[in-house]
């Protein structure tokens, strides 16, 4: 019987394999208490096509005096930035573990971007 951690790692590996078989770019999101990081990885998994995070100087200025990057407002901002950067890189569709295939939209939902536990 697999432990809880082994089960989680197996599910993640299987999801990455399923996304790779589709041949579309993969969206990865990591949320910490202070920052949110998002990146779009190529279909083959070898290149980062676009990346955005609340650790960037421009984003910190946009967020204002609070400087906190782990809240819903920051998630919405990072969602918009990663969508814009992905469009500029020529990415039409991305897949994540939450949705098998999804078109890139400039107005991403903060609920979807901010959620890391599935």
C-alpha atoms as a PDB file:
ATOM      1  CA  UNK A   1       0.000   0.000   0.000  1.00  0.00           C
ATOM      2  CA  UNK A   2       1.316   3.423  -0.935  1.00  0.00           C
ATOM      3  CA  UNK A   3       1.719   6.183   1.596  1.00  0.00           C
ATOM      4  CA  UNK A   4      -0.152   9.430   1.207  1.00  0.00           C
ATOM      5  CA  UNK A   5       2.947  11.183  -0.144  1.00  0.00           C
ATOM      6  CA  UNK A   6       3.663   8.399  -2.638  1.00  0.00           C
ATOM      7  CA  UNK A   7       0.044   8.533  -3.849  1.00  0.00           C
ATOM      8  CA  UNK A   8       0.261  12.297  -4.350  1.00  0.00           C
ATOM      9  CA  UNK A   9       3.531  12.000  -6.279  1.00  0.00           C
ATOM     10  CA  UNK A  10       2.077   9.212  -8.434  1.00  0.00           C
ATOM     11  CA  UNK A  11      -1.004  11.305  -9.262  1.00  0.00           C
ATOM     12  CA  UNK A  12       1.198  14.268 -10.182  1.00  0.00           C
ATOM     13  CA  UNK A  13       3.394  12.112 -12.417  1.00  0.00           C
ATOM     14  CA  UNK A  14       0.381  10.569 -14.159  1.00  0.00           C
ATOM     15  CA  UNK A  15      -1.144  14.007 -14.731  1.00  0.00           C
ATOM     16  CA  UNK A  16       2.086  15.311 -16.285  1.00  0.00           C
ATOM     17  CA  UNK A  17       2.179  12.258 -18.566  1.00  0.00           C
ATOM     18  CA  UNK A  18      -1.446  12.831 -19.632  1.00  0.00           C
ATOM     19  CA  UNK A  19      -0.717  16.492 -20.382  1.00  0.00           C
ATOM     20  CA  UNK A  20       2.460  15.597 -22.321  1.00  0.00           C
ATOM     21  CA  UNK A  21       0.471  13.200 -24.516  1.00  0.00           C
ATOM     22  CA  UNK A  22      -1.841  16.073 -25.479  1.00  0.00           C
ATOM     23  CA  UNK A  23       1.173  18.034 -26.752  1.00  0.00           C
ATOM     24  CA  UNK A  24       0.071  21.363 -25.267  1.00  0.00           C
ATOM     25  CA  UNK A  25       1.896  23.703 -22.923  1.00  0.00           C
ATOM     26  CA  UNK A  26       1.564  23.096 -19.178  1.00  0.00           C
ATOM     27  CA  UNK A  27       0.618  25.747 -16.617  1.00  0.00           C
ATOM     28  CA  UNK A  28       2.245  25.386 -13.215  1.00  0.00           C
ATOM     29  CA  UNK A  29       1.351  27.499 -10.197  1.00  0.00           C
ATOM     30  CA  UNK A  30       3.122  27.632  -6.846  1.00  0.00           C
ATOM     31  CA  UNK A  31       1.732  29.644  -3.954  1.00  0.00           C
ATOM     32  CA  UNK A  32       3.630  30.443  -0.781  1.00  0.00           C
ATOM     33  CA  UNK A  33       2.566  32.664   2.094  1.00  0.00           C
ATOM     34  CA  UNK A  34       4.340  35.646   0.530  1.00  0.00           C
ATOM     35  CA  UNK A  35       4.380  35.070  -3.228  1.00  0.00           C
ATOM     36  CA  UNK A  36       2.641  33.407  -6.158  1.00  0.00           C
ATOM     37  CA  UNK A  37       4.679  31.990  -9.034  1.00  0.00           C
ATOM     38  CA  UNK A  38       3.217  30.869 -12.371  1.00  0.00           C
ATOM     39  CA  UNK A  39       4.976  29.491 -15.428  1.00  0.00           C
ATOM     40  CA  UNK A  40       4.013  28.007 -18.775  1.00  0.00           C
ATOM     41  CA  UNK A  41       6.189  25.047 -19.791  1.00  0.00           C
ATOM     42  CA  UNK A  42       6.462  23.726 -23.352  1.00  0.00           C
ATOM     43  CA  UNK A  43       4.622  20.578 -24.384  1.00  0.00           C
ATOM     44  CA  UNK A  44       7.818  18.528 -24.350  1.00  0.00           C
ATOM     45  CA  UNK A  45       8.680  19.866 -20.881  1.00  0.00           C
ATOM     46  CA  UNK A  46      12.113  21.251 -21.745  1.00  0.00           C
ATOM     47  CA  UNK A  47      11.528  25.021 -21.972  1.00  0.00           C
ATOM     48  CA  UNK A  48       9.822  27.658 -19.871  1.00  0.00           C
ATOM     49  CA  UNK A  49       7.816  29.735 -22.344  1.00  0.00           C
ATOM     50  CA  UNK A  50       6.500  32.370 -19.919  1.00  0.00           C
ATOM     51  CA  UNK A  51       6.826  33.117 -16.221  1.00  0.00           C
ATOM     52  CA  UNK A  52       5.299  35.618 -13.801  1.00  0.00           C
ATOM     53  CA  UNK A  53       5.507  36.063 -10.056  1.00  0.00           C
ATOM     54  CA  UNK A  54       4.748  38.540  -7.314  1.00  0.00           C
ATOM     55  CA  UNK A  55       8.472  38.729  -6.584  1.00  0.00           C
ATOM     56  CA  UNK A  56       8.958  40.880  -9.719  1.00  0.00           C
ATOM     57  CA  UNK A  57       9.593  44.565  -9.003  1.00  0.00           C
ATOM     58  CA  UNK A  58       6.815  45.802 -11.325  1.00  0.00           C
ATOM     59  CA  UNK A  59       4.248  43.563  -9.668  1.00  0.00           C
ATOM     60  CA  UNK A  60       5.282  44.604  -6.163  1.00  0.00           C
ATOM     61  CA  UNK A  61       4.810  48.262  -7.144  1.00  0.00           C
ATOM     62  CA  UNK A  62       1.381  47.485  -8.596  1.00  0.00           C
ATOM     63  CA  UNK A  63       0.291  45.681  -5.432  1.00  0.00           C
ATOM     64  CA  UNK A  64       1.024  48.804  -3.409  1.00  0.00           C
ATOM     65  CA  UNK A  65       2.217  49.382   0.113  1.00  0.00           C
ATOM     66  CA  UNK A  66       1.061  46.041   1.485  1.00  0.00           C
ATOM     67  CA  UNK A  67       3.718  44.224  -0.544  1.00  0.00           C
ATOM     68  CA  UNK A  68       1.941  40.952   0.104  1.00  0.00           C
ATOM     69  CA  UNK A  69       1.908  38.642  -2.849  1.00  0.00           C
ATOM     70  CA  UNK A  70      -0.049  35.704  -1.487  1.00  0.00           C
ATOM     71  CA  UNK A  71      -3.589  37.089  -1.583  1.00  0.00           C
ATOM     72  CA  UNK A  72      -6.460  36.988  -4.092  1.00  0.00           C
ATOM     73  CA  UNK A  73      -5.634  40.379  -5.630  1.00  0.00           C
ATOM     74  CA  UNK A  74      -2.096  39.199  -6.330  1.00  0.00           C
ATOM     75  CA  UNK A  75      -3.415  35.942  -7.818  1.00  0.00           C
ATOM     76  CA  UNK A  76      -5.639  37.864 -10.224  1.00  0.00           C
ATOM     77  CA  UNK A  77      -2.743  40.091 -11.264  1.00  0.00           C
ATOM     78  CA  UNK A  78      -0.399  37.137 -11.824  1.00  0.00           C
ATOM     79  CA  UNK A  79      -3.122  35.343 -13.807  1.00  0.00           C
ATOM     80  CA  UNK A  80      -3.436  38.300 -16.155  1.00  0.00           C
ATOM     81  CA  UNK A  81       0.343  38.699 -16.512  1.00  0.00           C
ATOM     82  CA  UNK A  82       0.995  35.024 -17.264  1.00  0.00           C
ATOM     83  CA  UNK A  83      -1.834  34.994 -19.833  1.00  0.00           C
ATOM     84  CA  UNK A  84      -0.418  38.070 -21.573  1.00  0.00           C
ATOM     85  CA  UNK A  85       3.116  36.640 -21.602  1.00  0.00           C
ATOM     86  CA  UNK A  86       1.892  33.265 -22.868  1.00  0.00           C
ATOM     87  CA  UNK A  87      -0.062  34.931 -25.693  1.00  0.00           C
ATOM     88  CA  UNK A  88       3.043  36.932 -26.621  1.00  0.00           C
ATOM     89  CA  UNK A  89       5.057  33.684 -26.722  1.00  0.00           C
ATOM     90  CA  UNK A  90       2.525  32.191 -29.142  1.00  0.00           C
ATOM     91  CA  UNK A  91       0.828  29.780 -26.754  1.00  0.00           C
ATOM     92  CA  UNK A  92      -2.805  29.130 -27.677  1.00  0.00           C
ATOM     93  CA  UNK A  93      -3.802  26.476 -25.120  1.00  0.00           C
ATOM     94  CA  UNK A  94      -2.447  25.369 -21.772  1.00  0.00           C
ATOM     95  CA  UNK A  95      -3.224  22.394 -19.593  1.00  0.00           C
ATOM     96  CA  UNK A  96      -2.999  22.175 -15.832  1.00  0.00           C
ATOM     97  CA  UNK A  97      -3.910  19.557 -13.314  1.00  0.00           C
ATOM     98  CA  UNK A  98      -7.201  21.380 -12.718  1.00  0.00           C
ATOM     99  CA  UNK A  99      -8.306  21.440 -16.338  1.00  0.00           C
ATOM    100  CA  UNK A 100      -7.097  19.103 -19.089  1.00  0.00           C
ATOM    101  CA  UNK A 101      -7.066  21.745 -21.844  1.00  0.00           C
ATOM    102  CA  UNK A 102      -7.971  25.376 -21.519  1.00  0.00           C
ATOM    103  CA  UNK A 103      -7.565  28.320 -23.922  1.00  0.00           C
ATOM    104  CA  UNK A 104      -5.358  31.145 -22.687  1.00  0.00           C
ATOM    105  CA  UNK A 105      -7.510  34.107 -21.623  1.00  0.00           C
ATOM    106  CA  UNK A 106      -6.155  37.451 -20.385  1.00  0.00           C
ATOM    107  CA  UNK A 107      -8.714  37.550 -17.549  1.00  0.00           C
ATOM    108  CA  UNK A 108      -7.934  34.381 -15.591  1.00  0.00           C
ATOM    109  CA  UNK A 109      -9.969  33.543 -12.524  1.00  0.00           C
ATOM    110  CA  UNK A 110      -8.157  34.263  -9.272  1.00  0.00           C
ATOM    111  CA  UNK A 111      -9.840  31.222  -7.733  1.00  0.00           C
ATOM    112  CA  UNK A 112      -8.286  28.945 -10.333  1.00  0.00           C
ATOM    113  CA  UNK A 113      -4.812  30.528 -10.264  1.00  0.00           C
ATOM    114  CA  UNK A 114      -4.613  30.824  -6.490  1.00  0.00           C
ATOM    115  CA  UNK A 115      -5.682  27.258  -5.771  1.00  0.00           C
ATOM    116  CA  UNK A 116      -2.759  24.872  -5.324  1.00  0.00           C
ATOM    117  CA  UNK A 117      -4.244  21.962  -3.402  1.00  0.00           C
ATOM    118  CA  UNK A 118      -6.479  19.750  -5.451  1.00  0.00           C
END
